Amino acid sequence: MEALSILGVAAFAMVTTLLGLPKEVKTLKKRVKKLSKLVEGDKSMSKLLEELVGKKCAIYTSGVGNVGVVMAVDEDWVKLEIEYKKDKKQLMLYPIEDIASIKVME
């Protein structure tokens, strides 16, 4: 009789443990997805930015913004040509992960 009660308690402990696993698996999947985006870069953002090549845009990173023409985009970087004076231009490279917002000027 004692063996059956011990077996019942063990079975109850296993069932309660297994019931909590789906929630833990779900949170682990979210964390893995987030980490893979950090490691691989967010490709969906770079695809959207590729549409802006050749357009005049304002790119804001942590409150600071620059206005220029988007020259090129890859998986991790945006290349922006900024015109300071009539004949003076400067190329700036921005990591996609640091861009807070973009405003299309044209």
Foldseek 3Di string as FASTA:
>chain_A
DVVVVVVVVVVVVVVVVVVCVVVVVVVVVVVVVVVVCVVQPDQVLQVVVQVQAQFWKWWDFPRDIATFHFHDTDRFWTWGWGDDDPPDIDIDIDTPVRTPDMGTPD
